[in-house]
Amino acid sequence: SRETPWMPMPHSPREDRRFLSRLIAEQEVTTLRDWRGA
């Protein structure tokens, strides 16, 4: 969101964390990892 010039920032970082926590709890989330993590 930050690096996309036309994208407004509709959510704070805290709201993004809550959103991701809800996605992980309620949906199938596939995470791509390498030696640095997700």
PDB file of all heavy atoms in Angstrom:
ATOM      1  N   SER A   1       0.828  -1.210   0.000  1.00  0.00           N
ATOM      2  CA  SER A   1       0.000   0.000   0.000  1.00  0.00           C
ATOM      3  C   SER A   1       0.863   1.261   0.000  1.00  0.00           C
ATOM      4  O   SER A   1       0.584   2.214  -0.733  1.00  0.00           O
ATOM      5  CB  SER A   1      -0.925   0.016   1.221  1.00  0.00           C
ATOM      6  OG  SER A   1      -1.868  -1.024   1.143  1.00  0.00           O
ATOM      7  N   ARG A   2       1.920   1.257   0.805  1.00  0.00           N
ATOM      8  CA  ARG A   2       2.797   2.439   0.895  1.00  0.00           C
ATOM      9  C   ARG A   2       3.521   2.725  -0.410  1.00  0.00           C
ATOM     10  O   ARG A   2       3.712   3.879  -0.784  1.00  0.00           O
ATOM     11  CB  ARG A   2       3.838   2.244   2.000  1.00  0.00           C
ATOM     12  CG  ARG A   2       3.397   2.654   3.365  1.00  0.00           C
ATOM     13  CD  ARG A   2       4.555   2.725   4.341  1.00  0.00           C
ATOM     14  NE  ARG A   2       5.509   1.638   4.232  1.00  0.00           N
ATOM     15  CZ  ARG A   2       5.393   0.456   4.842  1.00  0.00           C
ATOM     16  NH1 ARG A   2       4.356   0.207   5.606  1.00  0.00           N
ATOM     17  NH2 ARG A   2       6.315  -0.471   4.694  1.00  0.00           N
ATOM     18  N   GLU A   3       3.947   1.685  -1.116  1.00  0.00           N
ATOM     19  CA  GLU A   3       4.755   1.904  -2.322  1.00  0.00           C
ATOM     20  C   GLU A   3       3.922   2.034  -3.591  1.00  0.00           C
ATOM     21  O   GLU A   3       4.483   2.229  -4.665  1.00  0.00           O
ATOM     22  CB  GLU A   3       5.783   0.788  -2.473  1.00  0.00           C
ATOM     23  CG  GLU A   3       5.171  -0.562  -2.758  1.00  0.00           C
ATOM     24  CD  GLU A   3       6.174  -1.689  -2.675  1.00  0.00           C
ATOM     25  OE1 GLU A   3       7.121  -1.605  -1.891  1.00  0.00           O
ATOM     26  OE2 GLU A   3       5.983  -2.670  -3.400  1.00  0.00           O
ATOM     27  N   THR A   4       2.609   1.945  -3.485  1.00  0.00           N
ATOM     28  CA  THR A   4       1.729   2.062  -4.649  1.00  0.00           C
ATOM     29  C   THR A   4       1.147   3.473  -4.665  1.00  0.00           C
ATOM     30  O   THR A   4       0.292   3.794  -3.837  1.00  0.00           O
ATOM     31  CB  THR A   4       0.620   0.997  -4.591  1.00  0.00           C
ATOM     32  OG1 THR A   4       1.238  -0.299  -4.495  1.00  0.00           O
ATOM     33  CG2 THR A   4      -0.258   1.042  -5.818  1.00  0.00           C
ATOM     34  N   PRO A   5       1.605   4.326  -5.595  1.00  0.00           N
ATOM     35  CA  PRO A   5       1.250   5.749  -5.562  1.00  0.00           C
ATOM     36  C   PRO A   5      -0.248   6.034  -5.605  1.00  0.00           C
ATOM     37  O   PRO A   5      -0.713   6.976  -4.976  1.00  0.00           O
ATOM     38  CB  PRO A   5       1.937   6.335  -6.797  1.00  0.00           C
ATOM     39  CG  PRO A   5       2.908   5.323  -7.257  1.00  0.00           C
ATOM     40  CD  PRO A   5       2.490   3.998  -6.704  1.00  0.00           C
ATOM     41  N   TRP A   6      -1.015   5.250  -6.317  1.00  0.00           N
ATOM     42  CA  TRP A   6      -2.441   5.523  -6.470  1.00  0.00           C
ATOM     43  C   TRP A   6      -3.280   4.907  -5.354  1.00  0.00           C
ATOM     44  O   TRP A   6      -4.481   5.123  -5.285  1.00  0.00           O
ATOM     45  CB  TRP A   6      -2.941   5.031  -7.834  1.00  0.00           C
ATOM     46  CG  TRP A   6      -2.535   3.635  -8.172  1.00  0.00           C
ATOM     47  CD1 TRP A   6      -1.464   3.269  -8.934  1.00  0.00           C
ATOM     48  CD2 TRP A   6      -3.156   2.421  -7.745  1.00  0.00           C
ATOM     49  NE1 TRP A   6      -1.391   1.899  -9.008  1.00  0.00           N
ATOM     50  CE2 TRP A   6      -2.419   1.346  -8.291  1.00  0.00           C
ATOM     51  CE3 TRP A   6      -4.263   2.123  -6.966  1.00  0.00           C
ATOM     52  CZ2 TRP A   6      -2.756   0.015  -8.075  1.00  0.00           C
ATOM     53  CZ3 TRP A   6      -4.601   0.798  -6.745  1.00  0.00           C
ATOM     54  CH2 TRP A   6      -3.848  -0.232  -7.301  1.00  0.00           C
ATOM     55  N   MET A   7      -2.643   4.161  -4.457  1.00  0.00           N
ATOM     56  CA  MET A   7      -3.381   3.460  -3.404  1.00  0.00           C
ATOM     57  C   MET A   7      -3.451   4.309  -2.142  1.00  0.00           C
ATOM     58  O   MET A   7      -2.422   4.643  -1.565  1.00  0.00           O
ATOM     59  CB  MET A   7      -2.690   2.124  -3.109  1.00  0.00           C
ATOM     60  CG  MET A   7      -3.381   1.280  -2.071  1.00  0.00           C
ATOM     61  SD  MET A   7      -4.949   0.699  -2.704  1.00  0.00           S
ATOM     62  CE  MET A   7      -5.616  -0.073  -1.252  1.00  0.00           C
ATOM     63  N   PRO A   8      -4.669   4.665  -1.705  1.00  0.00           N
ATOM     64  CA  PRO A   8      -4.762   5.365  -0.420  1.00  0.00           C
ATOM     65  C   PRO A   8      -4.434   4.385   0.714  1.00  0.00           C
ATOM     66  O   PRO A   8      -4.461   3.171   0.521  1.00  0.00           O
ATOM     67  CB  PRO A   8      -6.227   5.803  -0.352  1.00  0.00           C
ATOM     68  CG  PRO A   8      -6.953   4.839  -1.225  1.00  0.00           C
ATOM     69  CD  PRO A   8      -5.970   4.418  -2.305  1.00  0.00           C
ATOM     70  N   MET A   9      -4.122   4.896   1.865  1.00  0.00           N
ATOM     71  CA  MET A   9      -3.850   4.049   3.030  1.00  0.00           C
ATOM     72  C   MET A   9      -5.137   3.962   3.849  1.00  0.00           C
ATOM     73  O   MET A   9      -5.337   4.732   4.788  1.00  0.00           O
ATOM     74  CB  MET A   9      -2.712   4.627   3.868  1.00  0.00           C
ATOM     75  CG  MET A   9      -1.350   4.570   3.207  1.00  0.00           C
ATOM     76  SD  MET A   9      -0.697   2.909   3.012  1.00  0.00           S
ATOM     77  CE  MET A   9      -0.285   2.489   4.681  1.00  0.00           C
ATOM     78  N   PRO A  10      -6.033   3.023   3.493  1.00  0.00           N
ATOM     79  CA  PRO A  10      -7.319   2.972   4.195  1.00  0.00           C
ATOM     80  C   PRO A  10      -7.210   2.416   5.618  1.00  0.00           C
ATOM     81  O   PRO A  10      -8.116   2.590   6.407  1.00  0.00           O
ATOM     82  CB  PRO A  10      -8.170   2.061   3.314  1.00  0.00           C
ATOM     83  CG  PRO A  10      -7.195   1.201   2.603  1.00  0.00           C
ATOM     84  CD  PRO A  10      -5.951   2.047   2.431  1.00  0.00           C
ATOM     85  N   HIS A  11      -6.093   1.760   5.946  1.00  0.00           N
ATOM     86  CA  HIS A  11      -5.966   1.120   7.257  1.00  0.00           C
ATOM     87  C   HIS A  11      -4.609   1.433   7.875  1.00  0.00           C
ATOM     88  O   HIS A  11      -3.608   1.558   7.174  1.00  0.00           O
ATOM     89  CB  HIS A  11      -6.114  -0.395   7.131  1.00  0.00           C
ATOM     90  CG  HIS A  11      -7.390  -0.807   6.488  1.00  0.00           C
ATOM     91  ND1 HIS A  11      -8.611  -0.700   7.111  1.00  0.00           N
ATOM     92  CD2 HIS A  11      -7.660  -1.306   5.266  1.00  0.00           C
ATOM     93  CE1 HIS A  11      -9.569  -1.117   6.298  1.00  0.00           C
ATOM     94  NE2 HIS A  11      -9.014  -1.484   5.165  1.00  0.00           N
ATOM     95  N   SER A  12      -4.584   1.478   9.174  1.00  0.00           N
ATOM     96  CA  SER A  12      -3.336   1.654   9.910  1.00  0.00           C
ATOM     97  C   SER A  12      -2.609   0.312   9.979  1.00  0.00           C
ATOM     98  O   SER A  12      -3.220  -0.744   9.741  1.00  0.00           O
ATOM     99  CB  SER A  12      -3.636   2.136  11.333  1.00  0.00           C
ATOM    100  OG  SER A  12      -4.252   1.091  12.078  1.00  0.00           O
ATOM    101  N   PRO A  13      -1.326   0.308  10.325  1.00  0.00           N
ATOM    102  CA  PRO A  13      -0.613  -0.968  10.501  1.00  0.00           C
ATOM    103  C   PRO A  13      -1.300  -1.878  11.526  1.00  0.00           C
ATOM    104  O   PRO A  13      -1.368  -3.088  11.338  1.00  0.00           O
ATOM    105  CB  PRO A  13       0.778  -0.536  10.965  1.00  0.00           C
ATOM    106  CG  PRO A  13       0.961   0.808  10.330  1.00  0.00           C
ATOM    107  CD  PRO A  13      -0.401   1.449  10.408  1.00  0.00           C
ATOM    108  N   ARG A  14      -1.831  -1.298  12.589  1.00  0.00           N
ATOM    109  CA  ARG A  14      -2.548  -2.106  13.600  1.00  0.00           C
ATOM    110  C   ARG A  14      -3.793  -2.762  12.991  1.00  0.00           C
ATOM    111  O   ARG A  14      -4.074  -3.931  13.237  1.00  0.00           O
ATOM    112  CB  ARG A  14      -2.928  -1.239  14.787  1.00  0.00           C
ATOM    113  CG  ARG A  14      -3.813  -1.982  15.780  1.00  0.00           C
ATOM    114  CD  ARG A  14      -4.126  -1.159  16.985  1.00  0.00           C
ATOM    115  NE  ARG A  14      -3.104  -1.507  17.956  1.00  0.00           N
ATOM    116  CZ  ARG A  14      -2.683  -0.724  18.909  1.00  0.00           C
ATOM    117  NH1 ARG A  14      -3.161   0.490  19.020  1.00  0.00           N
ATOM    118  NH2 ARG A  14      -1.784  -1.129  19.751  1.00  0.00           N
ATOM    119  N   GLU A  15      -4.528  -2.015  12.170  1.00  0.00           N
ATOM    120  CA  GLU A  15      -5.706  -2.574  11.503  1.00  0.00           C
ATOM    121  C   GLU A  15      -5.301  -3.670  10.521  1.00  0.00           C
ATOM    122  O   GLU A  15      -5.989  -4.687  10.402  1.00  0.00           O
ATOM    123  CB  GLU A  15      -6.497  -1.477  10.792  1.00  0.00           C
ATOM    124  CG  GLU A  15      -7.189  -0.525  11.741  1.00  0.00           C
ATOM    125  CD  GLU A  15      -7.764   0.691  11.048  1.00  0.00           C
ATOM    126  OE1 GLU A  15      -7.118   1.213  10.103  1.00  0.00           O
ATOM    127  OE2 GLU A  15      -8.847   1.136  11.459  1.00  0.00           O
ATOM    128  N   ASP A  16      -4.177  -3.474   9.820  1.00  0.00           N
ATOM    129  CA  ASP A  16      -3.681  -4.525   8.915  1.00  0.00           C
ATOM    130  C   ASP A  16      -3.349  -5.797   9.693  1.00  0.00           C
ATOM    131  O   ASP A  16      -3.647  -6.902   9.233  1.00  0.00           O
ATOM    132  CB  ASP A  16      -2.447  -4.046   8.141  1.00  0.00           C
ATOM    133  CG  ASP A  16      -2.790  -3.090   7.005  1.00  0.00           C
ATOM    134  OD1 ASP A  16      -3.973  -3.019   6.611  1.00  0.00           O
ATOM    135  OD2 ASP A  16      -1.860  -2.431   6.515  1.00  0.00           O
ATOM    136  N   ARG A  17      -2.742  -5.666  10.876  1.00  0.00           N
ATOM    137  CA  ARG A  17      -2.437  -6.850  11.701  1.00  0.00           C
ATOM    138  C   ARG A  17      -3.711  -7.567  12.122  1.00  0.00           C
ATOM    139  O   ARG A  17      -3.784  -8.794  12.072  1.00  0.00           O
ATOM    140  CB  ARG A  17      -1.610  -6.458  12.925  1.00  0.00           C
ATOM    141  CG  ARG A  17      -0.141  -6.274  12.632  1.00  0.00           C
ATOM    142  CD  ARG A  17       0.683  -6.163  13.895  1.00  0.00           C
ATOM    143  NE  ARG A  17       0.296  -5.064  14.761  1.00  0.00           N
ATOM    144  CZ  ARG A  17       0.678  -3.800  14.606  1.00  0.00           C
ATOM    145  NH1 ARG A  17       1.479  -3.463  13.606  1.00  0.00           N
ATOM    146  NH2 ARG A  17       0.280  -2.866  15.442  1.00  0.00           N
ATOM    147  N   ARG A  18      -4.713  -6.796  12.543  1.00  0.00           N
ATOM    148  CA  ARG A  18      -5.995  -7.418  12.928  1.00  0.00           C
ATOM    149  C   ARG A  18      -6.628  -8.129  11.729  1.00  0.00           C
ATOM    150  O   ARG A  18      -7.151  -9.233  11.864  1.00  0.00           O
ATOM    151  CB  ARG A  18      -6.951  -6.363  13.482  1.00  0.00           C
ATOM    152  CG  ARG A  18      -6.695  -6.061  14.922  1.00  0.00           C
ATOM    153  CD  ARG A  18      -7.854  -5.235  15.504  1.00  0.00           C
ATOM    154  NE  ARG A  18      -7.246  -4.181  16.273  1.00  0.00           N
ATOM    155  CZ  ARG A  18      -7.441  -2.884  16.122  1.00  0.00           C
ATOM    156  NH1 ARG A  18      -8.295  -2.445  15.235  1.00  0.00           N
ATOM    157  NH2 ARG A  18      -6.821  -2.011  16.863  1.00  0.00           N
ATOM    158  N   PHE A  19      -6.578  -7.488  10.569  1.00  0.00           N
ATOM    159  CA  PHE A  19      -7.126  -8.077   9.349  1.00  0.00           C
ATOM    160  C   PHE A  19      -6.425  -9.396   9.031  1.00  0.00           C
ATOM    161  O   PHE A  19      -7.067 -10.405   8.763  1.00  0.00           O
ATOM    162  CB  PHE A  19      -6.984  -7.080   8.191  1.00  0.00           C
ATOM    163  CG  PHE A  19      -7.296  -7.654   6.845  1.00  0.00           C
ATOM    164  CD1 PHE A  19      -8.597  -7.944   6.480  1.00  0.00           C
ATOM    165  CD2 PHE A  19      -6.277  -7.902   5.923  1.00  0.00           C
ATOM    166  CE1 PHE A  19      -8.889  -8.480   5.221  1.00  0.00           C
ATOM    167  CE2 PHE A  19      -6.555  -8.422   4.670  1.00  0.00           C
ATOM    168  CZ  PHE A  19      -7.868  -8.713   4.323  1.00  0.00           C
ATOM    169  N   LEU A  20      -5.093  -9.399   9.094  1.00  0.00           N
ATOM    170  CA  LEU A  20      -4.340 -10.619   8.800  1.00  0.00           C
ATOM    171  C   LEU A  20      -4.598 -11.698   9.837  1.00  0.00           C
ATOM    172  O   LEU A  20      -4.713 -12.879   9.491  1.00  0.00           O
ATOM    173  CB  LEU A  20      -2.844 -10.330   8.675  1.00  0.00           C
ATOM    174  CG  LEU A  20      -2.323 -10.128   7.257  1.00  0.00           C
ATOM    175  CD1 LEU A  20      -2.455 -11.348   6.405  1.00  0.00           C
ATOM    176  CD2 LEU A  20      -2.908  -8.948   6.569  1.00  0.00           C
ATOM    177  N   SER A  21      -4.713 -11.333  11.086  1.00  0.00           N
ATOM    178  CA  SER A  21      -5.030 -12.318  12.129  1.00  0.00           C
ATOM    179  C   SER A  21      -6.379 -12.965  11.847  1.00  0.00           C
ATOM    180  O   SER A  21      -6.541 -14.180  11.994  1.00  0.00           O
ATOM    181  CB  SER A  21      -5.048 -11.668  13.516  1.00  0.00           C
ATOM    182  OG  SER A  21      -3.759 -11.257  13.878  1.00  0.00           O
ATOM    183  N   ARG A  22      -7.349 -12.157  11.433  1.00  0.00           N
ATOM    184  CA  ARG A  22      -8.677 -12.689  11.106  1.00  0.00           C
ATOM    185  C   ARG A  22      -8.609 -13.586   9.867  1.00  0.00           C
ATOM    186  O   ARG A  22      -9.215 -14.668   9.846  1.00  0.00           O
ATOM    187  CB  ARG A  22      -9.655 -11.536  10.906  1.00  0.00           C
ATOM    188  CG  ARG A  22     -11.098 -11.974  10.891  1.00  0.00           C
ATOM    189  CD  ARG A  22     -12.084 -10.810  10.908  1.00  0.00           C
ATOM    190  NE  ARG A  22     -11.980  -9.975   9.721  1.00  0.00           N
ATOM    191  CZ  ARG A  22     -11.492  -8.735   9.696  1.00  0.00           C
ATOM    192  NH1 ARG A  22     -11.055  -8.164  10.795  1.00  0.00           N
ATOM    193  NH2 ARG A  22     -11.452  -8.050   8.572  1.00  0.00           N
ATOM    194  N   LEU A  23      -7.865 -13.175   8.836  1.00  0.00           N
ATOM    195  CA  LEU A  23      -7.716 -14.017   7.641  1.00  0.00           C
ATOM    196  C   LEU A  23      -7.132 -15.379   8.011  1.00  0.00           C
ATOM    197  O   LEU A  23      -7.629 -16.418   7.571  1.00  0.00           O
ATOM    198  CB  LEU A  23      -6.797 -13.355   6.616  1.00  0.00           C
ATOM    199  CG  LEU A  23      -7.369 -12.410   5.596  1.00  0.00           C
ATOM    200  CD1 LEU A  23      -6.291 -11.954   4.626  1.00  0.00           C
ATOM    201  CD2 LEU A  23      -8.536 -12.979   4.856  1.00  0.00           C
ATOM    202  N   ILE A  24      -6.077 -15.354   8.813  1.00  0.00           N
ATOM    203  CA  ILE A  24      -5.405 -16.593   9.199  1.00  0.00           C
ATOM    204  C   ILE A  24      -6.351 -17.503   9.987  1.00  0.00           C
ATOM    205  O   ILE A  24      -6.359 -18.717   9.804  1.00  0.00           O
ATOM    206  CB  ILE A  24      -4.116 -16.276   9.982  1.00  0.00           C
ATOM    207  CG1 ILE A  24      -3.084 -15.649   9.035  1.00  0.00           C
ATOM    208  CG2 ILE A  24      -3.551 -17.521  10.656  1.00  0.00           C
ATOM    209  CD1 ILE A  24      -1.907 -14.993   9.730  1.00  0.00           C
ATOM    210  N   ALA A  25      -7.170 -16.917  10.846  1.00  0.00           N
ATOM    211  CA  ALA A  25      -8.096 -17.701  11.673  1.00  0.00           C
ATOM    212  C   ALA A  25      -9.272 -18.256  10.878  1.00  0.00           C
ATOM    213  O   ALA A  25      -9.750 -19.355  11.157  1.00  0.00           O
ATOM    214  CB  ALA A  25      -8.611 -16.846  12.824  1.00  0.00           C
ATOM    215  N   GLU A  26      -9.732 -17.503   9.865  1.00  0.00           N
ATOM    216  CA  GLU A  26     -10.986 -17.845   9.201  1.00  0.00           C
ATOM    217  C   GLU A  26     -10.840 -18.439   7.812  1.00  0.00           C
ATOM    218  O   GLU A  26     -11.787 -19.007   7.289  1.00  0.00           O
ATOM    219  CB  GLU A  26     -11.870 -16.600   9.115  1.00  0.00           C
ATOM    220  CG  GLU A  26     -12.264 -16.052  10.472  1.00  0.00           C
ATOM    221  CD  GLU A  26     -13.002 -14.724  10.388  1.00  0.00           C
ATOM    222  OE1 GLU A  26     -13.219 -14.222   9.257  1.00  0.00           O
ATOM    223  OE2 GLU A  26     -13.362 -14.198  11.451  1.00  0.00           O
ATOM    224  N   GLN A  27      -9.681 -18.286   7.179  1.00  0.00           N
ATOM    225  CA  GLN A  27      -9.530 -18.737   5.802  1.00  0.00           C
ATOM    226  C   GLN A  27      -8.308 -19.632   5.666  1.00  0.00           C
ATOM    227  O   GLN A  27      -7.506 -19.747   6.586  1.00  0.00           O
ATOM    228  CB  GLN A  27      -9.399 -17.524   4.873  1.00  0.00           C
ATOM    229  CG  GLN A  27     -10.625 -16.656   4.885  1.00  0.00           C
ATOM    230  CD  GLN A  27     -10.530 -15.508   3.916  1.00  0.00           C
ATOM    231  OE1 GLN A  27      -9.691 -15.480   3.030  1.00  0.00           O
ATOM    232  NE2 GLN A  27     -11.411 -14.545   4.066  1.00  0.00           N
ATOM    233  N   GLU A  28      -8.193 -20.212   4.491  1.00  0.00           N
ATOM    234  CA  GLU A  28      -6.981 -20.974   4.188  1.00  0.00           C
ATOM    235  C   GLU A  28      -5.930 -19.981   3.706  1.00  0.00           C
ATOM    236  O   GLU A  28      -6.113 -19.308   2.691  1.00  0.00           O
ATOM    237  CB  GLU A  28      -7.253 -22.008   3.103  1.00  0.00           C
ATOM    238  CG  GLU A  28      -6.022 -22.802   2.766  1.00  0.00           C
ATOM    239  CD  GLU A  28      -6.269 -23.856   1.700  1.00  0.00           C
ATOM    240  OE1 GLU A  28      -7.430 -24.249   1.511  1.00  0.00           O
ATOM    241  OE2 GLU A  28      -5.288 -24.250   1.060  1.00  0.00           O
ATOM    242  N   VAL A  29      -4.845 -19.876   4.435  1.00  0.00           N
ATOM    243  CA  VAL A  29      -3.771 -18.958   4.082  1.00  0.00           C
ATOM    244  C   VAL A  29      -2.519 -19.777   3.803  1.00  0.00           C
ATOM    245  O   VAL A  29      -2.051 -20.518   4.665  1.00  0.00           O
ATOM    246  CB  VAL A  29      -3.494 -17.928   5.196  1.00  0.00           C
ATOM    247  CG1 VAL A  29      -2.319 -17.035   4.829  1.00  0.00           C
ATOM    248  CG2 VAL A  29      -4.745 -17.084   5.460  1.00  0.00           C
ATOM    249  N   THR A  30      -2.018 -19.650   2.592  1.00  0.00           N
ATOM    250  CA  THR A  30      -0.773 -20.299   2.204  1.00  0.00           C
ATOM    251  C   THR A  30       0.326 -19.259   2.266  1.00  0.00           C
ATOM    252  O   THR A  30       0.213 -18.197   1.653  1.00  0.00           O
ATOM    253  CB  THR A  30      -0.883 -20.869   0.771  1.00  0.00           C
ATOM    254  OG1 THR A  30      -1.993 -21.765   0.712  1.00  0.00           O
ATOM    255  CG2 THR A  30       0.384 -21.601   0.386  1.00  0.00           C
ATOM    256  N   THR A  31       1.364 -19.560   3.026  1.00  0.00           N
ATOM    257  CA  THR A  31       2.468 -18.627   3.208  1.00  0.00           C
ATOM    258  C   THR A  31       3.683 -19.116   2.446  1.00  0.00           C
ATOM    259  O   THR A  31       4.037 -20.292   2.526  1.00  0.00           O
ATOM    260  CB  THR A  31       2.810 -18.482   4.699  1.00  0.00           C
ATOM    261  OG1 THR A  31       1.634 -18.080   5.406  1.00  0.00           O
ATOM    262  CG2 THR A  31       3.898 -17.447   4.925  1.00  0.00           C
ATOM    263  N   LEU A  32       4.298 -18.226   1.711  1.00  0.00           N
ATOM    264  CA  LEU A  32       5.526 -18.518   0.979  1.00  0.00           C
ATOM    265  C   LEU A  32       6.696 -18.093   1.854  1.00  0.00           C
ATOM    266  O   LEU A  32       6.742 -16.957   2.322  1.00  0.00           O
ATOM    267  CB  LEU A  32       5.530 -17.738  -0.332  1.00  0.00           C
ATOM    268  CG  LEU A  32       6.739 -17.911  -1.230  1.00  0.00           C
ATOM    269  CD1 LEU A  32       6.762 -19.322  -1.800  1.00  0.00           C
ATOM    270  CD2 LEU A  32       6.681 -16.899  -2.356  1.00  0.00           C
ATOM    271  N   ARG A  33       7.628 -19.006   2.099  1.00  0.00           N
ATOM    272  CA  ARG A  33       8.755 -18.725   2.985  1.00  0.00           C
ATOM    273  C   ARG A  33      10.081 -19.018   2.292  1.00  0.00           C
ATOM    274  O   ARG A  33      10.158 -19.850   1.415  1.00  0.00           O
ATOM    275  CB  ARG A  33       8.698 -19.613   4.225  1.00  0.00           C
ATOM    276  CG  ARG A  33       7.477 -19.467   5.047  1.00  0.00           C
ATOM    277  CD  ARG A  33       7.483 -20.501   6.194  1.00  0.00           C
ATOM    278  NE  ARG A  33       6.215 -20.557   6.840  1.00  0.00           N
ATOM    279  CZ  ARG A  33       5.770 -19.650   7.684  1.00  0.00           C
ATOM    280  NH1 ARG A  33       6.513 -18.635   7.995  1.00  0.00           N
ATOM    281  NH2 ARG A  33       4.585 -19.755   8.226  1.00  0.00           N
ATOM    282  N   ASP A  34      11.099 -18.302   2.761  1.00  0.00           N
ATOM    283  CA  ASP A  34      12.473 -18.658   2.429  1.00  0.00           C
ATOM    284  C   ASP A  34      13.288 -18.521   3.706  1.00  0.00           C
ATOM    285  O   ASP A  34      12.706 -18.402   4.792  1.00  0.00           O
ATOM    286  CB  ASP A  34      13.020 -17.818   1.261  1.00  0.00           C
ATOM    287  CG  ASP A  34      13.191 -16.345   1.572  1.00  0.00           C
ATOM    288  OD1 ASP A  34      13.101 -15.946   2.759  1.00  0.00           O
ATOM    289  OD2 ASP A  34      13.433 -15.570   0.636  1.00  0.00           O
ATOM    290  N   TRP A  35      14.586 -18.516   3.610  1.00  0.00           N
ATOM    291  CA  TRP A  35      15.418 -18.487   4.803  1.00  0.00           C
ATOM    292  C   TRP A  35      15.228 -17.222   5.631  1.00  0.00           C
ATOM    293  O   TRP A  35      15.537 -17.193   6.813  1.00  0.00           O
ATOM    294  CB  TRP A  35      16.892 -18.677   4.433  1.00  0.00           C
ATOM    295  CG  TRP A  35      17.433 -17.590   3.548  1.00  0.00           C
ATOM    296  CD1 TRP A  35      17.383 -17.550   2.177  1.00  0.00           C
ATOM    297  CD2 TRP A  35      18.070 -16.394   3.954  1.00  0.00           C
ATOM    298  NE1 TRP A  35      17.954 -16.399   1.710  1.00  0.00           N
ATOM    299  CE2 TRP A  35      18.395 -15.659   2.793  1.00  0.00           C
ATOM    300  CE3 TRP A  35      18.411 -15.855   5.182  1.00  0.00           C
ATOM    301  CZ2 TRP A  35      19.031 -14.432   2.827  1.00  0.00           C
ATOM    302  CZ3 TRP A  35      19.047 -14.621   5.216  1.00  0.00           C
ATOM    303  CH2 TRP A  35      19.345 -13.937   4.048  1.00  0.00           C
ATOM    304  N   ARG A  36      14.644 -16.155   5.009  1.00  0.00           N
ATOM    305  CA  ARG A  36      14.383 -14.906   5.745  1.00  0.00           C
ATOM    306  C   ARG A  36      13.026 -14.897   6.426  1.00  0.00           C
ATOM    307  O   ARG A  36      12.686 -13.955   7.112  1.00  0.00           O
ATOM    308  CB  ARG A  36      14.473 -13.719   4.798  1.00  0.00           C
ATOM    309  CG  ARG A  36      15.883 -13.483   4.276  1.00  0.00           C
ATOM    310  CD  ARG A  36      15.873 -12.477   3.183  1.00  0.00           C
ATOM    311  NE  ARG A  36      15.332 -13.124   1.985  1.00  0.00           N
ATOM    312  CZ  ARG A  36      15.693 -12.844   0.748  1.00  0.00           C
ATOM    313  NH1 ARG A  36      16.544 -11.900   0.517  1.00  0.00           N
ATOM    314  NH2 ARG A  36      15.184 -13.503  -0.265  1.00  0.00           N
ATOM    315  N   GLY A  37      12.222 -15.923   6.181  1.00  0.00           N
ATOM    316  CA  GLY A  37      10.875 -15.983   6.764  1.00  0.00           C
ATOM    317  C   GLY A  37       9.810 -15.808   5.700  1.00  0.00           C
ATOM    318  O   GLY A  37      10.036 -16.060   4.516  1.00  0.00           O
ATOM    319  N   ALA A  38       8.637 -15.364   6.121  1.00  0.00           N
ATOM    320  CA  ALA A  38       7.494 -15.210   5.219  1.00  0.00           C
ATOM    321  C   ALA A  38       7.805 -14.155   4.153  1.00  0.00           C
ATOM    322  O   ALA A  38       8.250 -13.058   4.465  1.00  0.00           O
ATOM    323  CB  ALA A  38       6.259 -14.818   6.007  1.00  0.00           C
TER     324      ALA A  38
END
